[in-house]
Amino acid sequence: MDRVFIAAICISAFVSAECQSEIGQSTINSSLTSPKPIQTSTPISKSTLQKPTTTPAPTSPSSSPLPATRARPALAGVRPMQDRSNSSDPIPCTCGIFLSSQCKGREQPRGLPAMSHEFKRATPNTPYGVRQCTSACVDMIVKHLPNSGPILCSSIEKTIVREKAYLFIKNYRNKWLATRLSAGKEFCCKNGVAVRCPSPK
């Protein structure tokens, strides 16, 4: 009886040891055949896997500079004359500034005036009316006399050398009348910009 009991204990111990060895072996095999995935501390996003964007190099400015725009001086109250060649109405008092190259003796000045101003009404068609118109034009010119060089050059937009400016008027009739008045100085312009006149040789 004791031998049978001892044998049973041995068999049960053997089976238990055999099972433990099989469980250990299966655990080792599973750990070898299916390893656990390695986890990183920071997850990799899709943006990290994308190709890096390249910043375009700054383009250098063009070697040829843009043409500079020249602003014309503002003339307060100046109303350029209108074409009244086909009108039978009396011509309003009109002031015209002509350059010396446009004037020849007692003839009518050639071309259009460098500057002009037309008042809203005509003065009487008499010597007194002519004096009235002339006086009104002189008053208008005196207002802009300190800036006369830039104003004149920007109006003609061409190159002139040592030219004088003369005042002509129209009064009642569509004909220029010489006043024999000038600015008293010579003007020099280069491409519409006032410049210092060269010294006379």
N, C-alpha and C. Protein backbone atom coordinates (compact mmCIF):
# COMPACT_ATOMS: atom_id res chain seq x y z
N MET A 1 0.84 -1.19 0.00
CA MET A 1 0.00 0.00 0.00
C MET A 1 0.87 1.23 0.00
N ASP A 2 1.88 1.22 0.83
CA ASP A 2 2.79 2.37 0.87
C ASP A 2 3.52 2.56 -0.44
N ARG A 3 3.85 1.46 -1.09
CA ARG A 3 4.54 1.58 -2.38
C ARG A 3 3.63 2.19 -3.42
N VAL A 4 2.35 1.81 -3.41
CA VAL A 4 1.42 2.36 -4.39
C VAL A 4 1.27 3.85 -4.17
N PHE A 5 1.19 4.27 -2.90
CA PHE A 5 1.02 5.69 -2.59
C PHE A 5 2.25 6.48 -3.00
N ILE A 6 3.41 5.89 -2.74
CA ILE A 6 4.66 6.56 -3.13
C ILE A 6 4.76 6.65 -4.63
N ALA A 7 4.34 5.59 -5.34
CA ALA A 7 4.40 5.61 -6.81
C ALA A 7 3.47 6.66 -7.36
N ALA A 8 2.27 6.77 -6.72
CA ALA A 8 1.32 7.79 -7.20
C ALA A 8 1.89 9.18 -7.01
N ILE A 9 2.56 9.38 -5.90
CA ILE A 9 3.15 10.70 -5.66
C ILE A 9 4.23 11.00 -6.67
N CYS A 10 5.00 9.98 -6.98
CA CYS A 10 6.08 10.18 -7.97
C CYS A 10 5.52 10.49 -9.34
N ILE A 11 4.44 9.75 -9.71
CA ILE A 11 3.84 9.99 -11.05
C ILE A 11 3.27 11.38 -11.12
N SER A 12 2.56 11.79 -10.04
CA SER A 12 1.99 13.13 -10.06
C SER A 12 3.07 14.19 -10.08
N ALA A 13 4.15 13.98 -9.36
CA ALA A 13 5.26 14.93 -9.40
C ALA A 13 5.92 14.97 -10.74
N PHE A 14 6.02 13.85 -11.40
CA PHE A 14 6.63 13.79 -12.73
C PHE A 14 5.78 14.50 -13.75
N VAL A 15 4.44 14.23 -13.63
CA VAL A 15 3.53 14.89 -14.59
C VAL A 15 3.54 16.40 -14.38
N SER A 16 3.54 16.80 -13.09
CA SER A 16 3.57 18.25 -12.81
C SER A 16 4.82 18.89 -13.33
N ALA A 17 5.95 18.23 -13.15
CA ALA A 17 7.22 18.78 -13.67
C ALA A 17 7.22 18.81 -15.17
N GLU A 18 6.60 17.79 -15.76
CA GLU A 18 6.56 17.74 -17.23
C GLU A 18 5.69 18.86 -17.77
N CYS A 19 4.56 19.13 -17.09
CA CYS A 19 3.68 20.20 -17.53
C CYS A 19 4.35 21.56 -17.40
N GLN A 20 5.04 21.74 -16.25
CA GLN A 20 5.72 23.01 -16.07
C GLN A 20 6.79 23.22 -17.11
N SER A 21 7.47 22.15 -17.46
CA SER A 21 8.51 22.29 -18.50
C SER A 21 7.91 22.62 -19.83
N GLU A 22 6.71 22.03 -20.11
CA GLU A 22 6.06 22.32 -21.39
C GLU A 22 5.57 23.77 -21.42
N ILE A 23 4.98 24.22 -20.26
CA ILE A 23 4.51 25.60 -20.21
C ILE A 23 5.66 26.57 -20.37
N GLY A 24 6.76 26.31 -19.70
CA GLY A 24 7.94 27.17 -19.84
C GLY A 24 8.47 27.18 -21.25
N GLN A 25 8.45 25.99 -21.87
CA GLN A 25 8.95 25.89 -23.24
C GLN A 25 8.06 26.64 -24.20
N SER A 26 6.73 26.51 -23.99
CA SER A 26 5.80 27.22 -24.88
C SER A 26 5.93 28.73 -24.71
N THR A 27 6.18 29.15 -23.44
CA THR A 27 6.35 30.57 -23.21
C THR A 27 7.60 31.09 -23.89
N ILE A 28 8.67 30.33 -23.84
CA ILE A 28 9.92 30.71 -24.51
C ILE A 28 9.75 30.75 -26.00
N ASN A 29 9.04 29.69 -26.55
CA ASN A 29 8.84 29.64 -27.99
C ASN A 29 8.00 30.82 -28.47
N SER A 30 6.93 31.17 -27.68
CA SER A 30 6.08 32.28 -28.10
C SER A 30 6.83 33.60 -28.05
N SER A 31 7.69 33.71 -27.05
CA SER A 31 8.47 34.95 -26.99
C SER A 31 9.49 35.03 -28.08
N LEU A 32 9.92 33.90 -28.58
CA LEU A 32 10.89 33.92 -29.67
C LEU A 32 10.22 34.07 -31.02
N THR A 33 9.06 33.49 -31.22
CA THR A 33 8.41 33.50 -32.53
C THR A 33 7.65 34.80 -32.78
N SER A 34 7.03 35.37 -31.80
CA SER A 34 6.25 36.61 -31.98
C SER A 34 6.73 37.67 -31.02
N PRO A 35 7.79 38.36 -31.34
CA PRO A 35 8.31 39.39 -30.45
C PRO A 35 7.35 40.58 -30.42
N LYS A 36 7.32 41.23 -29.26
CA LYS A 36 6.45 42.39 -29.10
C LYS A 36 7.00 43.57 -29.89
N PRO A 37 6.08 44.37 -30.49
CA PRO A 37 6.55 45.55 -31.25
C PRO A 37 7.22 46.56 -30.34
N ILE A 38 8.27 47.19 -30.87
CA ILE A 38 9.01 48.19 -30.11
C ILE A 38 8.22 49.48 -30.12
N GLN A 39 7.98 50.06 -28.99
CA GLN A 39 7.25 51.30 -28.87
C GLN A 39 8.23 52.45 -28.70
N THR A 40 8.01 53.48 -29.47
CA THR A 40 8.85 54.68 -29.36
C THR A 40 8.24 55.65 -28.39
N SER A 41 9.09 56.51 -27.84
CA SER A 41 8.60 57.47 -26.85
C SER A 41 7.71 58.53 -27.48
N THR A 42 8.00 58.92 -28.76
CA THR A 42 7.18 59.93 -29.45
C THR A 42 6.64 59.32 -30.72
N PRO A 43 5.34 59.40 -30.94
CA PRO A 43 4.78 58.80 -32.17
C PRO A 43 5.19 59.59 -33.40
N ILE A 44 5.39 58.88 -34.51
CA ILE A 44 5.80 59.48 -35.77
C ILE A 44 4.55 59.86 -36.54
N SER A 45 4.42 61.16 -36.83
CA SER A 45 3.25 61.64 -37.56
C SER A 45 3.53 61.61 -39.05
N LYS A 46 2.45 61.80 -39.85
CA LYS A 46 2.60 61.81 -41.30
C LYS A 46 3.39 63.01 -41.77
N SER A 47 3.22 64.13 -41.04
CA SER A 47 3.96 65.33 -41.45
C SER A 47 5.46 65.14 -41.32
N THR A 48 5.87 64.26 -40.34
CA THR A 48 7.30 64.02 -40.17
C THR A 48 7.87 63.24 -41.33
N LEU A 49 7.02 62.36 -41.93
CA LEU A 49 7.50 61.53 -43.03
C LEU A 49 7.47 62.25 -44.36
N GLN A 50 6.80 63.40 -44.44
CA GLN A 50 6.74 64.12 -45.70
C GLN A 50 8.08 64.73 -46.05
N LYS A 51 8.25 65.00 -47.34
CA LYS A 51 9.49 65.59 -47.81
C LYS A 51 9.59 67.02 -47.32
N PRO A 52 10.78 67.43 -46.92
CA PRO A 52 10.92 68.82 -46.44
C PRO A 52 10.69 69.80 -47.57
N THR A 53 9.98 70.89 -47.24
CA THR A 53 9.72 71.93 -48.24
C THR A 53 10.91 72.85 -48.37
N THR A 54 11.19 73.21 -49.59
CA THR A 54 12.33 74.10 -49.85
C THR A 54 11.83 75.52 -49.99
N THR A 55 12.47 76.45 -49.34
CA THR A 55 12.11 77.87 -49.42
C THR A 55 12.76 78.48 -50.65
N PRO A 56 11.96 79.09 -51.57
CA PRO A 56 12.58 79.68 -52.76
C PRO A 56 13.50 80.81 -52.42
N ALA A 57 14.59 80.88 -53.16
CA ALA A 57 15.57 81.94 -52.91
C ALA A 57 14.99 83.28 -53.29
N PRO A 58 15.26 84.32 -52.51
CA PRO A 58 14.71 85.65 -52.84
C PRO A 58 15.24 86.15 -54.16
N THR A 59 14.31 86.69 -54.94
CA THR A 59 14.70 87.19 -56.26
C THR A 59 15.33 88.55 -56.12
N SER A 60 16.38 88.75 -56.82
CA SER A 60 17.07 90.04 -56.78
C SER A 60 16.30 91.05 -57.61
N PRO A 61 16.26 92.31 -57.21
CA PRO A 61 15.53 93.32 -57.99
C PRO A 61 16.12 93.47 -59.38
N SER A 62 15.26 93.87 -60.29
CA SER A 62 15.69 94.02 -61.67
C SER A 62 16.78 95.08 -61.78
N SER A 63 17.69 94.83 -62.66
CA SER A 63 18.80 95.76 -62.82
C SER A 63 18.36 97.08 -63.42
N SER A 64 17.26 97.05 -64.20
CA SER A 64 16.79 98.29 -64.81
C SER A 64 15.74 98.92 -63.93
N PRO A 65 15.98 100.09 -63.37
CA PRO A 65 15.01 100.72 -62.47
C PRO A 65 13.77 101.16 -63.22
N LEU A 66 12.67 101.21 -62.49
CA LEU A 66 11.41 101.66 -63.10
C LEU A 66 11.48 103.15 -63.39
N PRO A 67 10.86 103.56 -64.47
CA PRO A 67 10.90 104.99 -64.79
C PRO A 67 10.21 105.79 -63.71
N ALA A 68 10.87 106.85 -63.27
CA ALA A 68 10.30 107.68 -62.21
C ALA A 68 9.19 108.55 -62.77
N THR A 69 8.11 108.60 -62.03
CA THR A 69 7.00 109.45 -62.43
C THR A 69 7.18 110.83 -61.83
N ARG A 70 6.94 111.85 -62.64
CA ARG A 70 7.14 113.21 -62.20
C ARG A 70 5.78 113.86 -61.98
N ALA A 71 5.54 114.28 -60.77
CA ALA A 71 4.27 114.91 -60.44
C ALA A 71 4.30 116.39 -60.82
N ARG A 72 3.25 116.84 -61.50
CA ARG A 72 3.16 118.24 -61.88
C ARG A 72 2.73 119.09 -60.70
N PRO A 73 3.30 120.25 -60.56
CA PRO A 73 2.88 121.12 -59.46
C PRO A 73 1.41 121.52 -59.62
N ALA A 74 0.70 121.52 -58.52
CA ALA A 74 -0.72 121.89 -58.55
C ALA A 74 -0.85 123.41 -58.62
N LEU A 75 -1.70 123.88 -59.52
CA LEU A 75 -1.93 125.31 -59.70
C LEU A 75 -3.35 125.61 -59.26
N ALA A 76 -3.46 126.21 -58.09
CA ALA A 76 -4.78 126.50 -57.55
C ALA A 76 -5.46 127.61 -58.36
N GLY A 77 -6.68 127.34 -58.80
CA GLY A 77 -7.47 128.35 -59.49
C GLY A 77 -7.17 128.52 -60.96
N VAL A 78 -6.26 127.72 -61.53
CA VAL A 78 -5.91 127.88 -62.94
C VAL A 78 -6.88 127.08 -63.81
N ARG A 79 -7.43 127.73 -64.81
CA ARG A 79 -8.34 127.09 -65.76
C ARG A 79 -7.75 127.21 -67.17
N PRO A 80 -7.17 126.14 -67.71
CA PRO A 80 -6.58 126.22 -69.06
C PRO A 80 -7.62 126.69 -70.07
N MET A 81 -7.15 127.41 -71.07
CA MET A 81 -8.07 127.96 -72.06
C MET A 81 -8.70 126.86 -72.89
N GLN A 82 -9.89 127.14 -73.40
CA GLN A 82 -10.62 126.20 -74.24
C GLN A 82 -10.51 126.62 -75.71
N ASP A 83 -10.74 125.65 -76.57
CA ASP A 83 -10.70 125.92 -78.01
C ASP A 83 -12.01 126.64 -78.40
N ARG A 84 -11.89 127.88 -78.73
CA ARG A 84 -13.06 128.67 -79.10
C ARG A 84 -12.95 129.17 -80.55
N SER A 85 -12.25 128.41 -81.37
CA SER A 85 -12.04 128.83 -82.76
C SER A 85 -13.35 128.87 -83.55
N ASN A 86 -14.30 128.03 -83.18
CA ASN A 86 -15.57 127.98 -83.90
C ASN A 86 -16.70 128.68 -83.14
N SER A 87 -16.37 129.46 -82.14
CA SER A 87 -17.39 130.13 -81.35
C SER A 87 -17.51 131.60 -81.77
N SER A 88 -18.74 132.07 -81.80
CA SER A 88 -18.99 133.48 -82.14
C SER A 88 -19.18 134.34 -80.90
N ASP A 89 -19.11 133.73 -79.72
CA ASP A 89 -19.27 134.47 -78.48
C ASP A 89 -18.00 135.26 -78.18
N PRO A 90 -18.11 136.33 -77.41
CA PRO A 90 -16.91 137.07 -77.01
C PRO A 90 -15.93 136.17 -76.24
N ILE A 91 -14.65 136.32 -76.54
CA ILE A 91 -13.63 135.51 -75.89
C ILE A 91 -13.41 136.03 -74.48
N PRO A 92 -13.49 135.15 -73.47
CA PRO A 92 -13.19 135.62 -72.11
C PRO A 92 -11.74 136.09 -72.01
N CYS A 93 -11.46 136.88 -71.00
CA CYS A 93 -10.08 137.30 -70.76
C CYS A 93 -9.22 136.06 -70.55
N THR A 94 -8.19 135.93 -71.39
CA THR A 94 -7.34 134.73 -71.38
C THR A 94 -5.88 135.13 -71.31
N CYS A 95 -5.13 134.46 -70.43
CA CYS A 95 -3.69 134.72 -70.28
C CYS A 95 -2.92 133.59 -70.95
N GLY A 96 -1.86 133.94 -71.66
CA GLY A 96 -1.02 132.93 -72.31
C GLY A 96 0.46 133.26 -72.11
N ILE A 97 1.23 132.25 -71.68
CA ILE A 97 2.68 132.41 -71.49
C ILE A 97 3.38 131.71 -72.66
N PHE A 98 4.10 132.49 -73.45
CA PHE A 98 4.83 131.96 -74.60
C PHE A 98 6.33 132.12 -74.38
N LEU A 99 7.09 131.19 -74.91
CA LEU A 99 8.54 131.26 -74.82
C LEU A 99 9.09 132.16 -75.91
N SER A 100 10.30 132.64 -75.70
CA SER A 100 10.90 133.57 -76.66
C SER A 100 11.08 132.92 -78.03
N SER A 101 11.27 131.61 -78.08
CA SER A 101 11.42 130.93 -79.37
C SER A 101 10.11 130.89 -80.15
N GLN A 102 8.98 131.16 -79.49
CA GLN A 102 7.69 131.15 -80.16
C GLN A 102 7.28 132.54 -80.65
N CYS A 103 8.04 133.53 -80.26
CA CYS A 103 7.66 134.91 -80.57
C CYS A 103 8.62 135.48 -81.64
N LYS A 104 8.04 136.18 -82.58
CA LYS A 104 8.84 136.79 -83.65
C LYS A 104 8.21 138.13 -84.04
N GLY A 105 8.84 139.19 -83.56
CA GLY A 105 8.36 140.52 -83.90
C GLY A 105 6.94 140.75 -83.44
N ARG A 106 6.14 141.33 -84.34
CA ARG A 106 4.76 141.65 -84.03
C ARG A 106 3.79 140.58 -84.51
N GLU A 107 4.32 139.50 -84.97
CA GLU A 107 3.46 138.42 -85.46
C GLU A 107 2.81 137.70 -84.28
N GLN A 108 1.78 136.95 -84.62
CA GLN A 108 1.14 136.12 -83.61
C GLN A 108 2.12 135.03 -83.13
N PRO A 109 2.15 134.73 -81.84
CA PRO A 109 3.05 133.68 -81.36
C PRO A 109 2.70 132.34 -81.99
N ARG A 110 3.73 131.54 -82.21
CA ARG A 110 3.54 130.24 -82.86
C ARG A 110 3.19 129.16 -81.84
N GLY A 111 2.28 128.30 -82.25
CA GLY A 111 1.92 127.16 -81.41
C GLY A 111 1.05 127.54 -80.22
N LEU A 112 0.92 126.59 -79.31
CA LEU A 112 0.11 126.81 -78.12
C LEU A 112 0.97 127.40 -77.01
N PRO A 113 0.37 128.15 -76.11
CA PRO A 113 1.15 128.72 -75.01
C PRO A 113 1.66 127.62 -74.08
N ALA A 114 2.80 127.89 -73.45
CA ALA A 114 3.33 126.93 -72.47
C ALA A 114 2.38 126.79 -71.29
N MET A 115 1.74 127.88 -70.93
CA MET A 115 0.73 127.88 -69.87
C MET A 115 -0.38 128.83 -70.26
N SER A 116 -1.58 128.56 -69.77
CA SER A 116 -2.70 129.45 -70.08
C SER A 116 -3.69 129.44 -68.93
N HIS A 117 -4.46 130.51 -68.87
CA HIS A 117 -5.53 130.61 -67.88
C HIS A 117 -6.67 131.41 -68.50
N GLU A 118 -7.87 130.89 -68.36
CA GLU A 118 -9.04 131.54 -68.93
C GLU A 118 -9.99 131.95 -67.80
N PHE A 119 -10.26 133.24 -67.74
CA PHE A 119 -11.24 133.72 -66.77
C PHE A 119 -12.65 133.40 -67.26
N LYS A 120 -13.61 133.56 -66.39
CA LYS A 120 -14.98 133.15 -66.72
C LYS A 120 -15.72 134.16 -67.58
N ARG A 121 -15.22 135.37 -67.67
CA ARG A 121 -15.95 136.39 -68.46
C ARG A 121 -14.97 137.27 -69.22
N ALA A 122 -15.49 137.94 -70.21
CA ALA A 122 -14.69 138.86 -71.02
C ALA A 122 -14.73 140.25 -70.43
N THR A 123 -13.66 140.98 -70.65
CA THR A 123 -13.63 142.40 -70.27
C THR A 123 -14.08 143.24 -71.47
N PRO A 124 -14.40 144.48 -71.28
CA PRO A 124 -14.88 145.31 -72.41
C PRO A 124 -13.86 145.36 -73.54
N ASN A 125 -14.36 145.45 -74.75
CA ASN A 125 -13.49 145.51 -75.93
C ASN A 125 -13.01 146.94 -76.13
N THR A 126 -12.27 147.41 -75.16
CA THR A 126 -11.74 148.79 -75.16
C THR A 126 -10.33 148.76 -74.59
N PRO A 127 -9.55 149.84 -74.76
CA PRO A 127 -8.24 149.87 -74.11
C PRO A 127 -8.32 149.65 -72.61
N TYR A 128 -9.38 150.18 -72.01
CA TYR A 128 -9.55 149.96 -70.57
C TYR A 128 -9.77 148.47 -70.27
N GLY A 129 -10.56 147.79 -71.12
CA GLY A 129 -10.77 146.35 -70.95
C GLY A 129 -9.47 145.57 -71.10
N VAL A 130 -8.61 146.00 -72.04
CA VAL A 130 -7.31 145.33 -72.23
C VAL A 130 -6.47 145.48 -70.97
N ARG A 131 -6.49 146.67 -70.39
CA ARG A 131 -5.71 146.88 -69.15
C ARG A 131 -6.29 146.04 -68.00
N GLN A 132 -7.60 145.93 -67.96
CA GLN A 132 -8.22 145.11 -66.93
C GLN A 132 -7.77 143.65 -67.06
N CYS A 133 -7.81 143.14 -68.26
CA CYS A 133 -7.43 141.74 -68.50
C CYS A 133 -5.95 141.53 -68.18
N THR A 134 -5.12 142.49 -68.61
CA THR A 134 -3.68 142.37 -68.35
C THR A 134 -3.41 142.37 -66.84
N SER A 135 -4.06 143.25 -66.12
CA SER A 135 -3.87 143.32 -64.67
C SER A 135 -4.32 142.03 -63.99
N ALA A 136 -5.42 141.44 -64.47
CA ALA A 136 -5.90 140.18 -63.88
C ALA A 136 -4.90 139.05 -64.13
N CYS A 137 -4.30 139.03 -65.32
CA CYS A 137 -3.31 137.99 -65.64
C CYS A 137 -2.05 138.16 -64.80
N VAL A 138 -1.61 139.40 -64.60
CA VAL A 138 -0.43 139.64 -63.78
C VAL A 138 -0.67 139.18 -62.35
N ASP A 139 -1.85 139.46 -61.83
CA ASP A 139 -2.17 139.01 -60.47
C ASP A 139 -2.12 137.48 -60.37
N MET A 140 -2.61 136.80 -61.40
CA MET A 140 -2.58 135.33 -61.40
C MET A 140 -1.14 134.81 -61.46
N ILE A 141 -0.30 135.47 -62.27
CA ILE A 141 1.09 135.02 -62.41
C ILE A 141 1.88 135.25 -61.12
N VAL A 142 1.64 136.37 -60.47
CA VAL A 142 2.38 136.68 -59.23
C VAL A 142 2.15 135.61 -58.17
N LYS A 143 0.98 135.01 -58.13
CA LYS A 143 0.69 133.98 -57.13
C LYS A 143 1.63 132.78 -57.27
N HIS A 144 2.04 132.46 -58.50
CA HIS A 144 2.86 131.27 -58.75
C HIS A 144 4.28 131.63 -59.17
N LEU A 145 4.65 132.90 -59.05
CA LEU A 145 5.97 133.33 -59.50
C LEU A 145 7.12 132.64 -58.76
N PRO A 146 7.05 132.42 -57.43
CA PRO A 146 8.17 131.75 -56.75
C PRO A 146 8.45 130.34 -57.26
N ASN A 147 7.45 129.69 -57.81
CA ASN A 147 7.63 128.32 -58.32
C ASN A 147 7.49 128.27 -59.83
N SER A 148 7.81 129.40 -60.47
CA SER A 148 7.58 129.51 -61.91
C SER A 148 8.43 128.54 -62.72
N GLY A 149 9.69 128.30 -62.31
CA GLY A 149 10.57 127.40 -63.07
C GLY A 149 10.03 125.99 -63.16
N PRO A 150 9.78 125.31 -62.02
CA PRO A 150 9.22 123.96 -62.10
C PRO A 150 7.86 123.90 -62.79
N ILE A 151 7.03 124.93 -62.59
CA ILE A 151 5.71 124.92 -63.22
C ILE A 151 5.84 125.00 -64.74
N LEU A 152 6.68 125.93 -65.20
CA LEU A 152 6.84 126.10 -66.65
C LEU A 152 7.45 124.86 -67.29
N CYS A 153 8.50 124.31 -66.68
CA CYS A 153 9.19 123.16 -67.28
C CYS A 153 8.29 121.93 -67.30
N SER A 154 7.51 121.72 -66.24
CA SER A 154 6.63 120.55 -66.23
C SER A 154 5.48 120.72 -67.23
N SER A 155 5.16 121.96 -67.59
CA SER A 155 4.09 122.19 -68.55
C SER A 155 4.52 121.89 -69.98
N ILE A 156 5.77 122.23 -70.32
CA ILE A 156 6.22 122.03 -71.70
C ILE A 156 6.84 120.65 -71.90
N GLU A 157 7.42 120.07 -70.83
CA GLU A 157 8.01 118.72 -70.87
C GLU A 157 8.99 118.56 -72.04
N LYS A 158 9.88 119.50 -72.19
CA LYS A 158 10.94 119.40 -73.19
C LYS A 158 12.15 120.17 -72.70
N THR A 159 13.22 120.12 -73.48
CA THR A 159 14.47 120.76 -73.10
C THR A 159 14.57 122.14 -73.75
N ILE A 160 14.79 123.15 -72.91
CA ILE A 160 15.01 124.50 -73.42
C ILE A 160 16.22 125.09 -72.69
N VAL A 161 16.88 126.03 -73.34
CA VAL A 161 18.07 126.65 -72.76
C VAL A 161 17.93 128.16 -72.88
N ARG A 162 17.96 128.81 -71.72
CA ARG A 162 17.99 130.27 -71.63
C ARG A 162 16.88 130.93 -72.47
N GLU A 163 15.66 130.53 -72.20
CA GLU A 163 14.52 131.16 -72.87
C GLU A 163 13.72 131.99 -71.87
N LYS A 164 13.18 133.10 -72.37
CA LYS A 164 12.33 133.95 -71.55
C LYS A 164 10.87 133.62 -71.81
N ALA A 165 10.04 134.00 -70.83
CA ALA A 165 8.60 133.76 -70.94
C ALA A 165 7.88 135.10 -71.05
N TYR A 166 7.01 135.22 -72.05
CA TYR A 166 6.30 136.49 -72.30
C TYR A 166 4.80 136.28 -72.12
N LEU A 167 4.15 137.34 -71.62
CA LEU A 167 2.72 137.29 -71.38
C LEU A 167 1.96 137.88 -72.57
N PHE A 168 1.02 137.08 -73.06
CA PHE A 168 0.07 137.52 -74.08
C PHE A 168 -1.34 137.36 -73.51
N ILE A 169 -2.25 138.13 -74.05
CA ILE A 169 -3.64 138.02 -73.59
C ILE A 169 -4.58 137.96 -74.79
N LYS A 170 -5.77 137.40 -74.53
CA LYS A 170 -6.90 137.48 -75.46
C LYS A 170 -8.02 138.19 -74.72
N ASN A 171 -8.61 139.14 -75.41
CA ASN A 171 -9.72 139.89 -74.80
C ASN A 171 -10.79 140.17 -75.85
N TYR A 172 -11.92 139.55 -75.67
CA TYR A 172 -13.09 139.76 -76.52
C TYR A 172 -12.95 139.11 -77.90
N ARG A 173 -11.77 139.29 -78.52
CA ARG A 173 -11.53 138.69 -79.84
C ARG A 173 -10.55 137.53 -79.71
N ASN A 174 -10.65 136.58 -80.63
CA ASN A 174 -9.80 135.40 -80.60
C ASN A 174 -8.44 135.73 -81.26
N LYS A 175 -7.72 136.61 -80.62
CA LYS A 175 -6.43 137.05 -81.15
C LYS A 175 -5.53 137.41 -79.97
N TRP A 176 -4.26 136.94 -80.04
CA TRP A 176 -3.32 137.22 -78.96
C TRP A 176 -2.80 138.65 -79.06
N LEU A 177 -2.75 139.32 -77.91
CA LEU A 177 -2.21 140.68 -77.84
C LEU A 177 -0.96 140.66 -76.97
N ALA A 178 0.13 141.22 -77.49
CA ALA A 178 1.38 141.27 -76.73
C ALA A 178 1.29 142.32 -75.64
N THR A 179 1.71 141.97 -74.44
CA THR A 179 1.72 142.93 -73.33
C THR A 179 3.12 143.49 -73.08
N ARG A 180 4.12 142.91 -73.72
CA ARG A 180 5.51 143.29 -73.54
C ARG A 180 5.99 143.05 -72.10
N LEU A 181 5.32 142.17 -71.41
CA LEU A 181 5.72 141.81 -70.05
C LEU A 181 6.35 140.42 -70.05
N SER A 182 7.42 140.26 -69.29
CA SER A 182 8.09 138.97 -69.18
C SER A 182 8.44 138.72 -67.72
N ALA A 183 8.87 137.51 -67.42
CA ALA A 183 9.21 137.14 -66.05
C ALA A 183 10.50 137.79 -65.58
N GLY A 184 11.27 138.35 -66.49
CA GLY A 184 12.51 139.03 -66.13
C GLY A 184 13.67 138.10 -65.87
N LYS A 185 13.54 136.83 -66.19
CA LYS A 185 14.66 135.89 -66.05
C LYS A 185 14.58 134.85 -67.15
N GLU A 186 15.65 134.10 -67.31
CA GLU A 186 15.71 133.05 -68.32
C GLU A 186 15.45 131.69 -67.68
N PHE A 187 14.80 130.82 -68.43
CA PHE A 187 14.45 129.49 -67.94
C PHE A 187 15.25 128.44 -68.69
N CYS A 188 15.64 127.40 -67.96
CA CYS A 188 16.32 126.25 -68.54
C CYS A 188 15.62 124.99 -68.04
N CYS A 189 15.24 124.14 -68.96
CA CYS A 189 14.55 122.89 -68.62
C CYS A 189 15.22 121.73 -69.34
N LYS A 190 15.24 120.59 -68.71
CA LYS A 190 15.76 119.37 -69.32
C LYS A 190 14.74 118.26 -69.13
N ASN A 191 14.14 117.85 -70.23
CA ASN A 191 13.12 116.81 -70.23
C ASN A 191 11.99 117.12 -69.24
N GLY A 192 11.59 118.38 -69.20
CA GLY A 192 10.49 118.76 -68.36
C GLY A 192 10.85 119.08 -66.93
N VAL A 193 12.13 119.11 -66.58
CA VAL A 193 12.57 119.41 -65.21
C VAL A 193 13.38 120.69 -65.23
N ALA A 194 13.11 121.57 -64.29
CA ALA A 194 13.85 122.82 -64.20
C ALA A 194 15.30 122.56 -63.75
N VAL A 195 16.28 123.13 -64.47
CA VAL A 195 17.70 122.98 -64.13
C VAL A 195 18.33 124.34 -64.12
N ARG A 196 19.54 124.38 -63.53
CA ARG A 196 20.28 125.64 -63.49
C ARG A 196 20.80 125.97 -64.91
N CYS A 197 20.62 127.21 -65.30
CA CYS A 197 21.08 127.60 -66.63
C CYS A 197 22.61 127.68 -66.66
N PRO A 198 23.23 127.27 -67.76
CA PRO A 198 24.69 127.37 -67.85
C PRO A 198 25.13 128.83 -67.93
N SER A 199 26.32 129.06 -67.49
CA SER A 199 26.85 130.43 -67.53
C SER A 199 27.04 130.86 -68.97
N PRO A 200 26.72 132.11 -69.29
CA PRO A 200 26.91 132.58 -70.67
C PRO A 200 28.39 132.61 -71.02
N LYS A 201 28.69 132.22 -72.25
CA LYS A 201 30.10 132.20 -72.68
C LYS A 201 30.57 133.61 -73.08
